Amino acid sequence: MTTIKISVRNKQDANLLYRMLKRISFVDNVEKAESNENEINTGQFSELSKLIEAMAGQNLFKNISDPITWQQNLRNEWE
């Protein structure tokens, strides 16, 4: 037997997937567990989103007078 764990974004999609899996003949068992809404998602996307939100409104690139030259210099560092 092999077990697969699946995370779904919302209850509606979870219910649909649950019903579909229950009807498949080779699926032995389907268990449904709801996560706590206060639980923190530690995925990369979630972490990046938090960082971007934290930096919103801050003018991070205000010291760059010529963006094109700045980018070219960054690229040249890798050559």
N, C-alpha and C. Protein backbone atom coordinates (compact mmCIF):
# COMPACT_ATOMS: atom_id res chain seq x y z
N MET A 1 0.85 -1.17 0.00
CA MET A 1 0.00 0.00 0.00
C MET A 1 0.89 1.24 0.00
N THR A 2 0.48 2.25 -0.72
CA THR A 2 1.17 3.53 -0.77
C THR A 2 0.22 4.62 -0.31
N THR A 3 0.73 5.55 0.48
CA THR A 3 -0.09 6.65 0.98
C THR A 3 0.36 7.94 0.34
N ILE A 4 -0.61 8.76 -0.05
CA ILE A 4 -0.34 10.06 -0.65
C ILE A 4 -1.02 11.12 0.21
N LYS A 5 -0.28 12.16 0.56
CA LYS A 5 -0.85 13.27 1.32
C LYS A 5 -1.02 14.45 0.37
N ILE A 6 -2.20 15.03 0.34
CA ILE A 6 -2.52 16.12 -0.58
C ILE A 6 -3.04 17.31 0.22
N SER A 7 -2.52 18.49 -0.08
CA SER A 7 -3.04 19.72 0.53
C SER A 7 -3.82 20.49 -0.52
N VAL A 8 -4.99 20.93 -0.16
CA VAL A 8 -5.87 21.65 -1.08
C VAL A 8 -6.16 23.02 -0.48
N ARG A 9 -6.26 24.04 -1.32
CA ARG A 9 -6.36 25.43 -0.86
C ARG A 9 -7.67 25.78 -0.15
N ASN A 10 -8.77 25.18 -0.57
CA ASN A 10 -10.04 25.56 0.06
C ASN A 10 -10.93 24.34 0.25
N LYS A 11 -11.95 24.51 1.08
CA LYS A 11 -12.83 23.39 1.44
C LYS A 11 -13.63 22.88 0.25
N GLN A 12 -14.03 23.78 -0.63
CA GLN A 12 -14.83 23.37 -1.78
C GLN A 12 -14.03 22.41 -2.66
N ASP A 13 -12.79 22.75 -2.96
CA ASP A 13 -11.94 21.88 -3.77
C ASP A 13 -11.63 20.58 -3.03
N ALA A 14 -11.43 20.67 -1.72
CA ALA A 14 -11.15 19.48 -0.91
C ALA A 14 -12.33 18.52 -0.96
N ASN A 15 -13.54 19.05 -0.84
CA ASN A 15 -14.74 18.20 -0.89
C ASN A 15 -14.89 17.53 -2.25
N LEU A 16 -14.64 18.26 -3.31
CA LEU A 16 -14.73 17.70 -4.65
C LEU A 16 -13.71 16.57 -4.83
N LEU A 17 -12.47 16.83 -4.44
CA LEU A 17 -11.43 15.82 -4.56
C LEU A 17 -11.75 14.58 -3.71
N TYR A 18 -12.26 14.81 -2.52
CA TYR A 18 -12.64 13.72 -1.63
C TYR A 18 -13.68 12.82 -2.29
N ARG A 19 -14.73 13.44 -2.84
CA ARG A 19 -15.79 12.66 -3.50
C ARG A 19 -15.25 11.90 -4.70
N MET A 20 -14.36 12.51 -5.47
CA MET A 20 -13.78 11.84 -6.63
C MET A 20 -12.95 10.63 -6.22
N LEU A 21 -12.12 10.81 -5.21
CA LEU A 21 -11.26 9.71 -4.76
C LEU A 21 -12.07 8.55 -4.19
N LYS A 22 -13.16 8.84 -3.51
CA LYS A 22 -14.00 7.79 -2.93
C LYS A 22 -14.58 6.88 -4.00
N ARG A 23 -14.77 7.40 -5.21
CA ARG A 23 -15.40 6.63 -6.29
C ARG A 23 -14.41 5.80 -7.10
N ILE A 24 -13.12 6.01 -6.92
CA ILE A 24 -12.12 5.27 -7.69
C ILE A 24 -11.96 3.88 -7.08
N SER A 25 -12.04 2.86 -7.91
CA SER A 25 -12.07 1.48 -7.42
C SER A 25 -10.79 1.04 -6.72
N PHE A 26 -9.64 1.52 -7.16
CA PHE A 26 -8.38 1.06 -6.56
C PHE A 26 -7.96 1.86 -5.34
N VAL A 27 -8.73 2.88 -4.96
CA VAL A 27 -8.43 3.66 -3.75
C VAL A 27 -9.09 2.95 -2.57
N ASP A 28 -8.27 2.49 -1.62
CA ASP A 28 -8.78 1.72 -0.49
C ASP A 28 -9.44 2.59 0.58
N ASN A 29 -8.82 3.72 0.87
CA ASN A 29 -9.32 4.53 1.98
C ASN A 29 -9.02 6.00 1.69
N VAL A 30 -9.96 6.87 2.03
CA VAL A 30 -9.76 8.31 1.90
C VAL A 30 -10.10 8.93 3.25
N GLU A 31 -9.14 9.65 3.82
CA GLU A 31 -9.37 10.32 5.09
C GLU A 31 -9.31 11.82 4.86
N LYS A 32 -10.18 12.52 5.53
CA LYS A 32 -10.23 13.98 5.39
C LYS A 32 -9.85 14.61 6.72
N ALA A 33 -8.85 15.49 6.69
CA ALA A 33 -8.43 16.20 7.90
C ALA A 33 -8.33 17.68 7.56
N GLU A 34 -9.00 18.49 8.34
CA GLU A 34 -8.95 19.93 8.10
C GLU A 34 -7.87 20.54 8.98
N SER A 35 -7.09 21.44 8.38
CA SER A 35 -6.02 22.08 9.15
C SER A 35 -6.58 23.28 9.91
N ASN A 36 -5.85 23.67 10.92
CA ASN A 36 -6.21 24.83 11.72
C ASN A 36 -5.97 26.09 10.89
N GLU A 37 -6.93 27.00 10.83
CA GLU A 37 -6.78 28.22 10.03
C GLU A 37 -5.65 29.10 10.53
N ASN A 38 -5.27 28.95 11.80
CA ASN A 38 -4.18 29.74 12.36
C ASN A 38 -2.82 29.14 12.06
N GLU A 39 -2.82 27.94 11.47
CA GLU A 39 -1.57 27.27 11.16
C GLU A 39 -0.81 28.06 10.10
N ILE A 40 0.49 28.21 10.29
CA ILE A 40 1.31 29.00 9.37
C ILE A 40 1.86 28.09 8.28
N ASN A 41 1.65 28.48 7.02
CA ASN A 41 2.19 27.73 5.90
C ASN A 41 3.65 28.12 5.74
N THR A 42 4.54 27.14 5.80
CA THR A 42 5.97 27.43 5.76
C THR A 42 6.56 27.19 4.37
N GLY A 43 5.74 27.13 3.35
CA GLY A 43 6.24 26.93 2.00
C GLY A 43 7.01 28.14 1.49
N GLN A 44 7.80 27.93 0.47
CA GLN A 44 8.62 29.01 -0.09
C GLN A 44 7.76 30.16 -0.58
N PHE A 45 6.67 29.86 -1.24
CA PHE A 45 5.80 30.92 -1.76
C PHE A 45 5.26 31.78 -0.63
N SER A 46 4.84 31.13 0.43
CA SER A 46 4.30 31.86 1.58
C SER A 46 5.36 32.75 2.21
N GLU A 47 6.57 32.24 2.35
CA GLU A 47 7.65 33.02 2.95
C GLU A 47 8.00 34.22 2.08
N LEU A 48 8.06 34.03 0.76
CA LEU A 48 8.35 35.14 -0.15
C LEU A 48 7.24 36.19 -0.10
N SER A 49 6.01 35.73 -0.04
CA SER A 49 4.88 36.67 0.05
C SER A 49 4.98 37.54 1.29
N LYS A 50 5.35 36.92 2.41
CA LYS A 50 5.50 37.67 3.66
C LYS A 50 6.60 38.72 3.54
N LEU A 51 7.71 38.33 2.93
CA LEU A 51 8.82 39.28 2.75
C LEU A 51 8.42 40.45 1.86
N ILE A 52 7.75 40.16 0.77
CA ILE A 52 7.32 41.21 -0.15
C ILE A 52 6.34 42.16 0.53
N GLU A 53 5.40 41.61 1.29
CA GLU A 53 4.45 42.45 2.02
C GLU A 53 5.16 43.32 3.05
N ALA A 54 6.18 42.77 3.70
CA ALA A 54 6.91 43.53 4.71
C ALA A 54 7.67 44.70 4.08
N MET A 55 8.13 44.53 2.85
CA MET A 55 8.90 45.56 2.18
C MET A 55 8.04 46.54 1.38
N ALA A 56 6.75 46.27 1.28
CA ALA A 56 5.86 47.14 0.52
C ALA A 56 5.89 48.55 1.10
N GLY A 57 5.93 49.53 0.23
CA GLY A 57 5.93 50.92 0.65
C GLY A 57 7.31 51.48 0.92
N GLN A 58 8.29 50.61 1.05
CA GLN A 58 9.66 51.08 1.25
C GLN A 58 10.30 51.26 -0.13
N ASN A 59 10.93 52.36 -0.32
CA ASN A 59 11.57 52.63 -1.60
C ASN A 59 12.97 52.02 -1.59
N LEU A 60 13.03 50.72 -1.86
CA LEU A 60 14.28 49.97 -1.75
C LEU A 60 15.33 50.37 -2.79
N PHE A 61 14.90 50.90 -3.91
CA PHE A 61 15.84 51.19 -4.99
C PHE A 61 16.05 52.69 -5.20
N LYS A 62 15.80 53.47 -4.18
CA LYS A 62 15.89 54.93 -4.32
C LYS A 62 17.32 55.40 -4.58
N ASN A 63 18.32 54.63 -4.18
CA ASN A 63 19.71 55.03 -4.37
C ASN A 63 20.26 54.67 -5.74
N ILE A 64 19.45 54.03 -6.58
CA ILE A 64 19.90 53.65 -7.92
C ILE A 64 19.51 54.76 -8.89
N SER A 65 20.50 55.49 -9.36
CA SER A 65 20.22 56.61 -10.26
C SER A 65 20.01 56.14 -11.70
N ASP A 66 20.74 55.11 -12.13
CA ASP A 66 20.63 54.60 -13.50
C ASP A 66 20.38 53.09 -13.44
N PRO A 67 19.13 52.67 -13.49
CA PRO A 67 18.80 51.25 -13.33
C PRO A 67 19.43 50.34 -14.39
N ILE A 68 19.56 50.83 -15.61
CA ILE A 68 20.13 50.01 -16.69
C ILE A 68 21.59 49.71 -16.41
N THR A 69 22.35 50.72 -16.06
CA THR A 69 23.76 50.53 -15.74
C THR A 69 23.90 49.65 -14.50
N TRP A 70 23.06 49.85 -13.53
CA TRP A 70 23.09 49.05 -12.30
C TRP A 70 22.90 47.56 -12.62
N GLN A 71 21.91 47.26 -13.49
CA GLN A 71 21.66 45.87 -13.87
C GLN A 71 22.82 45.29 -14.66
N GLN A 72 23.38 46.08 -15.58
CA GLN A 72 24.52 45.60 -16.37
C GLN A 72 25.70 45.28 -15.45
N ASN A 73 25.94 46.10 -14.47
CA ASN A 73 27.03 45.86 -13.53
C ASN A 73 26.81 44.58 -12.73
N LEU A 74 25.56 44.33 -12.36
CA LEU A 74 25.24 43.10 -11.64
C LEU A 74 25.52 41.89 -12.52
N ARG A 75 25.10 41.95 -13.77
CA ARG A 75 25.35 40.84 -14.69
C ARG A 75 26.82 40.61 -14.93
N ASN A 76 27.58 41.70 -15.04
CA ASN A 76 29.01 41.61 -15.31
C ASN A 76 29.78 40.96 -14.15
N GLU A 77 29.24 41.04 -12.95
CA GLU A 77 29.91 40.43 -11.81
C GLU A 77 30.03 38.92 -11.96
N TRP A 78 29.15 38.30 -12.73
CA TRP A 78 29.15 36.85 -12.87
C TRP A 78 30.01 36.36 -14.02
N GLU A 79 30.58 37.25 -14.78
CA GLU A 79 31.41 36.83 -15.92
C GLU A 79 32.83 36.57 -15.52
